[in-house]
Amino acid sequence: MQQTESAVLVLVPETEGVVAGYRADLDAAADLGVPAHVTVLYPFVPPERVDDAVISSLQRAVRSVAAFDVTFARLRWFDRSVLWLAPEPAEPFLALTAAVQRAFPGYEPYGGEIADVVPHLTIGLDQAEEILESAARAIEPGLPVTARVSAAVLMQGSLRQGSWRVVADLPLGTPGRG
């Protein structure tokens, strides 16, 4: 049986028209059923420990950050092996991560393996650089993409194809009221 995991994500459906075909080929998460997104916190609480109290605490944490507009105008790279879209501004995503981490201090972004979290929307990884460069050239004319971020989601799934599902919607706060 596949181990299930959970993640807190901001889904960005507005980008799907530009990146979906490339993510399908270049990002294994797409095959698992994870839509285009910016990660808030992964890994999160193991699914068997997610209950109403966890979801309520998570909703409060996410609600502490006001809804915001974001633009994805630039392609970026991590070590020429990961192609991603840069959200502008990035600060609200960092605020979401910090708020969720404060509410759940035992859970570090990326399991603590990455010291400086950089908000990003992954397009492709673990591919030949030429393939990622080709995707970048094809995607660039479709930029910028703008979106309104008014919610995050809690998703759960495994390494089984199509297994990831939204288990809770997490509305952000109202601008000016938090």
C-alpha atoms as a PDB file:
ATOM      1  CA  MET A   1       0.000   0.000   0.000  1.00  0.00           C
ATOM      2  CA  GLN A   2       1.266   3.471  -0.918  1.00  0.00           C
ATOM      3  CA  GLN A   3       2.008   5.860   1.950  1.00  0.00           C
ATOM      4  CA  THR A   4      -0.239   8.899   1.838  1.00  0.00           C
ATOM      5  CA  GLU A   5       0.977  12.406   2.536  1.00  0.00           C
ATOM      6  CA  SER A   6      -0.550  15.834   2.828  1.00  0.00           C
ATOM      7  CA  ALA A   7       0.380  19.311   1.651  1.00  0.00           C
ATOM      8  CA  VAL A   8      -0.938  22.844   2.008  1.00  0.00           C
ATOM      9  CA  LEU A   9      -0.973  24.457  -1.424  1.00  0.00           C
ATOM     10  CA  VAL A  10      -2.231  27.515  -3.255  1.00  0.00           C
ATOM     11  CA  LEU A  11      -3.734  26.265  -6.504  1.00  0.00           C
ATOM     12  CA  VAL A  12      -3.299  28.592  -9.461  1.00  0.00           C
ATOM     13  CA  PRO A  13      -5.731  27.427 -12.150  1.00  0.00           C
ATOM     14  CA  GLU A  14      -5.142  30.616 -14.147  1.00  0.00           C
ATOM     15  CA  THR A  15      -1.700  29.279 -15.103  1.00  0.00           C
ATOM     16  CA  GLU A  16      -2.952  25.930 -16.382  1.00  0.00           C
ATOM     17  CA  GLY A  17      -3.546  27.226 -19.919  1.00  0.00           C
ATOM     18  CA  VAL A  18       0.134  28.139 -20.168  1.00  0.00           C
ATOM     19  CA  VAL A  19       1.818  25.344 -18.192  1.00  0.00           C
ATOM     20  CA  ALA A  20      -0.484  22.296 -18.015  1.00  0.00           C
ATOM     21  CA  GLY A  21       0.870  20.505 -21.083  1.00  0.00           C
ATOM     22  CA  TYR A  22       4.457  21.007 -19.956  1.00  0.00           C
ATOM     23  CA  ARG A  23       3.763  20.041 -16.347  1.00  0.00           C
ATOM     24  CA  ALA A  24       2.053  16.856 -17.584  1.00  0.00           C
ATOM     25  CA  ASP A  25       5.293  15.835 -19.291  1.00  0.00           C
ATOM     26  CA  LEU A  26       7.897  17.411 -17.018  1.00  0.00           C
ATOM     27  CA  ASP A  27       6.572  17.383 -13.422  1.00  0.00           C
ATOM     28  CA  ALA A  28       5.689  14.043 -11.817  1.00  0.00           C
ATOM     29  CA  ALA A  29       3.362  15.830  -9.369  1.00  0.00           C
ATOM     30  CA  ALA A  30       0.980  16.595 -12.248  1.00  0.00           C
ATOM     31  CA  ASP A  31       0.634  12.864 -12.959  1.00  0.00           C
ATOM     32  CA  LEU A  32      -0.220  12.306  -9.292  1.00  0.00           C
ATOM     33  CA  GLY A  33      -3.137  14.715  -9.593  1.00  0.00           C
ATOM     34  CA  VAL A  34      -1.555  17.855  -8.158  1.00  0.00           C
ATOM     35  CA  PRO A  35      -2.636  20.912 -10.192  1.00  0.00           C
ATOM     36  CA  ALA A  36      -0.431  23.939 -10.873  1.00  0.00           C
ATOM     37  CA  HIS A  37       0.344  25.379  -7.455  1.00  0.00           C
ATOM     38  CA  VAL A  38       2.636  27.241  -5.116  1.00  0.00           C
ATOM     39  CA  THR A  39       3.517  25.138  -2.070  1.00  0.00           C
ATOM     40  CA  VAL A  40       2.717  26.630   1.329  1.00  0.00           C
ATOM     41  CA  LEU A  41       3.882  23.689   3.440  1.00  0.00           C
ATOM     42  CA  TYR A  42       4.952  20.184   2.464  1.00  0.00           C
ATOM     43  CA  PRO A  43       5.090  17.701   4.004  1.00  0.00           C
ATOM     44  CA  PHE A  44       2.208  18.506   6.317  1.00  0.00           C
ATOM     45  CA  VAL A  45       0.436  16.501   9.034  1.00  0.00           C
ATOM     46  CA  PRO A  46       0.157  12.805   8.087  1.00  0.00           C
ATOM     47  CA  PRO A  47      -3.354  12.167   6.720  1.00  0.00           C
ATOM     48  CA  GLU A  48      -4.242   9.721   9.499  1.00  0.00           C
ATOM     49  CA  ARG A  49      -3.682  12.531  12.022  1.00  0.00           C
ATOM     50  CA  VAL A  50      -5.730  15.160  10.179  1.00  0.00           C
ATOM     51  CA  ASP A  51      -8.961  15.723  12.082  1.00  0.00           C
ATOM     52  CA  ASP A  52     -11.414  18.597  12.592  1.00  0.00           C
ATOM     53  CA  ALA A  53      -9.099  20.274  15.112  1.00  0.00           C
ATOM     54  CA  VAL A  54      -6.159  20.206  12.668  1.00  0.00           C
ATOM     55  CA  ILE A  55      -8.313  21.605   9.864  1.00  0.00           C
ATOM     56  CA  SER A  56      -9.710  24.354  12.145  1.00  0.00           C
ATOM     57  CA  SER A  57      -6.207  25.384  13.236  1.00  0.00           C
ATOM     58  CA  LEU A  58      -5.063  25.344   9.621  1.00  0.00           C
ATOM     59  CA  GLN A  59      -8.041  27.469   8.543  1.00  0.00           C
ATOM     60  CA  ARG A  60      -7.247  30.044  11.262  1.00  0.00           C
ATOM     61  CA  ALA A  61      -3.599  30.190  10.216  1.00  0.00           C
ATOM     62  CA  VAL A  62      -4.412  30.674   6.535  1.00  0.00           C
ATOM     63  CA  ARG A  63      -7.125  33.243   7.336  1.00  0.00           C
ATOM     64  CA  SER A  64      -4.470  35.368   9.096  1.00  0.00           C
ATOM     65  CA  VAL A  65      -3.109  36.314   5.662  1.00  0.00           C
ATOM     66  CA  ALA A  66      -5.231  38.604   3.484  1.00  0.00           C
ATOM     67  CA  ALA A  67      -6.244  37.595  -0.029  1.00  0.00           C
ATOM     68  CA  PHE A  68      -3.957  39.081  -2.674  1.00  0.00           C
ATOM     69  CA  ASP A  69      -3.274  39.419  -6.386  1.00  0.00           C
ATOM     70  CA  VAL A  70      -0.262  37.730  -7.925  1.00  0.00           C
ATOM     71  CA  THR A  71       1.447  37.881 -11.295  1.00  0.00           C
ATOM     72  CA  PHE A  72       3.581  35.167 -12.857  1.00  0.00           C
ATOM     73  CA  ALA A  73       5.691  37.088 -15.369  1.00  0.00           C
ATOM     74  CA  ARG A  74       9.122  35.464 -15.159  1.00  0.00           C
ATOM     75  CA  LEU A  75      10.548  32.007 -15.630  1.00  0.00           C
ATOM     76  CA  ARG A  76      13.309  31.050 -13.209  1.00  0.00           C
ATOM     77  CA  TRP A  77      15.621  28.122 -12.555  1.00  0.00           C
ATOM     78  CA  PHE A  78      16.964  26.200  -9.588  1.00  0.00           C
ATOM     79  CA  ASP A  79      20.421  24.967 -10.669  1.00  0.00           C
ATOM     80  CA  ARG A  80      19.274  24.655 -14.289  1.00  0.00           C
ATOM     81  CA  SER A  81      17.459  21.477 -13.245  1.00  0.00           C
ATOM     82  CA  VAL A  82      14.106  22.899 -12.104  1.00  0.00           C
ATOM     83  CA  LEU A  83      12.098  25.309 -14.267  1.00  0.00           C
ATOM     84  CA  TRP A  84       9.540  27.424 -12.429  1.00  0.00           C
ATOM     85  CA  LEU A  85       7.355  30.499 -12.557  1.00  0.00           C
ATOM     86  CA  ALA A  86       8.144  33.263 -10.066  1.00  0.00           C
ATOM     87  CA  PRO A  87       5.136  34.724  -8.235  1.00  0.00           C
ATOM     88  CA  GLU A  88       5.197  38.488  -7.807  1.00  0.00           C
ATOM     89  CA  PRO A  89       4.830  39.430  -5.059  1.00  0.00           C
ATOM     90  CA  ALA A  90       6.329  36.410  -3.278  1.00  0.00           C
ATOM     91  CA  GLU A  91       5.892  37.832   0.224  1.00  0.00           C
ATOM     92  CA  PRO A  92       2.260  36.753   0.770  1.00  0.00           C
ATOM     93  CA  PHE A  93       3.259  33.148   0.040  1.00  0.00           C
ATOM     94  CA  LEU A  94       6.058  33.436   2.586  1.00  0.00           C
ATOM     95  CA  ALA A  95       3.535  34.893   5.065  1.00  0.00           C
ATOM     96  CA  LEU A  96       1.256  31.895   4.487  1.00  0.00           C
ATOM     97  CA  THR A  97       4.120  29.474   5.089  1.00  0.00           C
ATOM     98  CA  ALA A  98       5.119  31.319   8.266  1.00  0.00           C
ATOM     99  CA  ALA A  99       1.523  31.381   9.565  1.00  0.00           C
ATOM    100  CA  VAL A 100       1.013  27.656   8.968  1.00  0.00           C
ATOM    101  CA  GLN A 101       4.408  26.862  10.475  1.00  0.00           C
ATOM    102  CA  ARG A 102       3.569  28.879  13.606  1.00  0.00           C
ATOM    103  CA  ALA A 103       0.353  26.879  13.993  1.00  0.00           C
ATOM    104  CA  PHE A 104       2.147  23.575  13.291  1.00  0.00           C
ATOM    105  CA  PRO A 105       5.740  24.057  14.530  1.00  0.00           C
ATOM    106  CA  GLY A 106       6.718  20.422  14.022  1.00  0.00           C
ATOM    107  CA  TYR A 107       6.427  20.731  10.243  1.00  0.00           C
ATOM    108  CA  GLU A 108       9.236  22.392   8.314  1.00  0.00           C
ATOM    109  CA  PRO A 109       8.993  23.339   4.628  1.00  0.00           C
ATOM    110  CA  TYR A 110      10.331  20.497   2.489  1.00  0.00           C
ATOM    111  CA  GLY A 111      11.112  18.536   5.651  1.00  0.00           C
ATOM    112  CA  GLY A 112      13.738  21.109   6.647  1.00  0.00           C
ATOM    113  CA  GLU A 113      15.931  20.180   3.663  1.00  0.00           C
ATOM    114  CA  ILE A 114      15.745  23.659   2.119  1.00  0.00           C
ATOM    115  CA  ALA A 115      16.951  26.515   4.322  1.00  0.00           C
ATOM    116  CA  ASP A 116      15.594  29.436   2.285  1.00  0.00           C
ATOM    117  CA  VAL A 117      12.113  28.768   0.954  1.00  0.00           C
ATOM    118  CA  VAL A 118      11.499  30.409  -2.426  1.00  0.00           C
ATOM    119  CA  PRO A 119       7.836  30.516  -3.462  1.00  0.00           C
ATOM    120  CA  HIS A 120       7.517  29.038  -6.933  1.00  0.00           C
ATOM    121  CA  LEU A 121       5.232  27.224  -9.360  1.00  0.00           C
ATOM    122  CA  THR A 122       7.139  24.233 -10.713  1.00  0.00           C
ATOM    123  CA  ILE A 123       6.851  23.523 -14.413  1.00  0.00           C
ATOM    124  CA  GLY A 124       9.447  20.788 -14.748  1.00  0.00           C
ATOM    125  CA  LEU A 125      12.257  19.005 -12.972  1.00  0.00           C
ATOM    126  CA  ASP A 126      14.438  15.947 -13.266  1.00  0.00           C
ATOM    127  CA  GLN A 127      14.622  16.388 -17.034  1.00  0.00           C
ATOM    128  CA  ALA A 128      17.404  17.137 -19.487  1.00  0.00           C
ATOM    129  CA  GLU A 129      18.267  20.837 -19.476  1.00  0.00           C
ATOM    130  CA  GLU A 130      17.517  21.100 -23.211  1.00  0.00           C
ATOM    131  CA  ILE A 131      13.977  19.812 -22.658  1.00  0.00           C
ATOM    132  CA  LEU A 132      13.369  22.351 -19.878  1.00  0.00           C
ATOM    133  CA  GLU A 133      14.865  25.139 -22.013  1.00  0.00           C
ATOM    134  CA  SER A 134      12.528  24.210 -24.862  1.00  0.00           C
ATOM    135  CA  ALA A 135       9.556  24.377 -22.492  1.00  0.00           C
ATOM    136  CA  ALA A 136      10.732  27.772 -21.230  1.00  0.00           C
ATOM    137  CA  ARG A 137      10.884  29.157 -24.774  1.00  0.00           C
ATOM    138  CA  ALA A 138       7.375  27.882 -25.487  1.00  0.00           C
ATOM    139  CA  ILE A 139       5.873  29.185 -22.233  1.00  0.00           C
ATOM    140  CA  GLU A 140       7.422  32.663 -22.218  1.00  0.00           C
ATOM    141  CA  PRO A 141       5.102  34.185 -24.870  1.00  0.00           C
ATOM    142  CA  GLY A 142       2.099  33.210 -22.687  1.00  0.00           C
ATOM    143  CA  LEU A 143       3.313  35.335 -19.785  1.00  0.00           C
ATOM    144  CA  PRO A 144       2.340  37.215 -17.719  1.00  0.00           C
ATOM    145  CA  VAL A 145      -0.477  35.377 -15.983  1.00  0.00           C
ATOM    146  CA  THR A 146      -2.308  37.117 -13.168  1.00  0.00           C
ATOM    147  CA  ALA A 147      -4.468  35.550 -10.483  1.00  0.00           C
ATOM    148  CA  ARG A 148      -6.372  36.404  -7.343  1.00  0.00           C
ATOM    149  CA  VAL A 149      -5.295  34.245  -4.394  1.00  0.00           C
ATOM    150  CA  SER A 150      -8.248  33.962  -2.042  1.00  0.00           C
ATOM    151  CA  ALA A 151      -7.733  30.428  -0.716  1.00  0.00           C
ATOM    152  CA  ALA A 152      -5.287  27.634  -0.087  1.00  0.00           C
ATOM    153  CA  VAL A 153      -6.152  23.940   0.050  1.00  0.00           C
ATOM    154  CA  LEU A 154      -5.160  20.896   2.027  1.00  0.00           C
ATOM    155  CA  MET A 155      -4.453  18.019  -0.352  1.00  0.00           C
ATOM    156  CA  GLN A 156      -3.676  14.391   0.385  1.00  0.00           C
ATOM    157  CA  GLY A 157      -2.391  11.611  -1.808  1.00  0.00           C
ATOM    158  CA  SER A 158       0.336   9.099  -2.515  1.00  0.00           C
ATOM    159  CA  LEU A 159       2.736   8.224  -5.319  1.00  0.00           C
ATOM    160  CA  ARG A 160      -0.157   6.491  -7.105  1.00  0.00           C
ATOM    161  CA  GLN A 161      -1.216   8.167 -10.354  1.00  0.00           C
ATOM    162  CA  GLY A 162      -4.139  10.571  -9.884  1.00  0.00           C
ATOM    163  CA  SER A 163      -4.320   9.971  -6.120  1.00  0.00           C
ATOM    164  CA  TRP A 164      -4.047  13.541  -4.806  1.00  0.00           C
ATOM    165  CA  ARG A 165      -7.335  15.128  -3.717  1.00  0.00           C
ATOM    166  CA  VAL A 166      -8.429  18.346  -2.006  1.00  0.00           C
ATOM    167  CA  VAL A 167      -9.668  17.496   1.486  1.00  0.00           C
ATOM    168  CA  ALA A 168     -10.197  21.043   2.813  1.00  0.00           C
ATOM    169  CA  ASP A 169     -10.600  24.507   1.358  1.00  0.00           C
ATOM    170  CA  LEU A 170      -8.809  27.186   3.362  1.00  0.00           C
ATOM    171  CA  PRO A 171     -10.012  30.749   2.682  1.00  0.00           C
ATOM    172  CA  LEU A 172      -7.565  33.605   3.131  1.00  0.00           C
ATOM    173  CA  GLY A 173      -8.532  36.660   5.161  1.00  0.00           C
ATOM    174  CA  THR A 174     -10.303  39.751   3.932  1.00  0.00           C
ATOM    175  CA  PRO A 175      -7.893  42.535   2.953  1.00  0.00           C
ATOM    176  CA  GLY A 176      -7.792  45.124   5.697  1.00  0.00           C
ATOM    177  CA  ARG A 177      -9.380  42.785   8.237  1.00  0.00           C
ATOM    178  CA  GLY A 178      -7.123  39.665   8.188  1.00  0.00           C
END
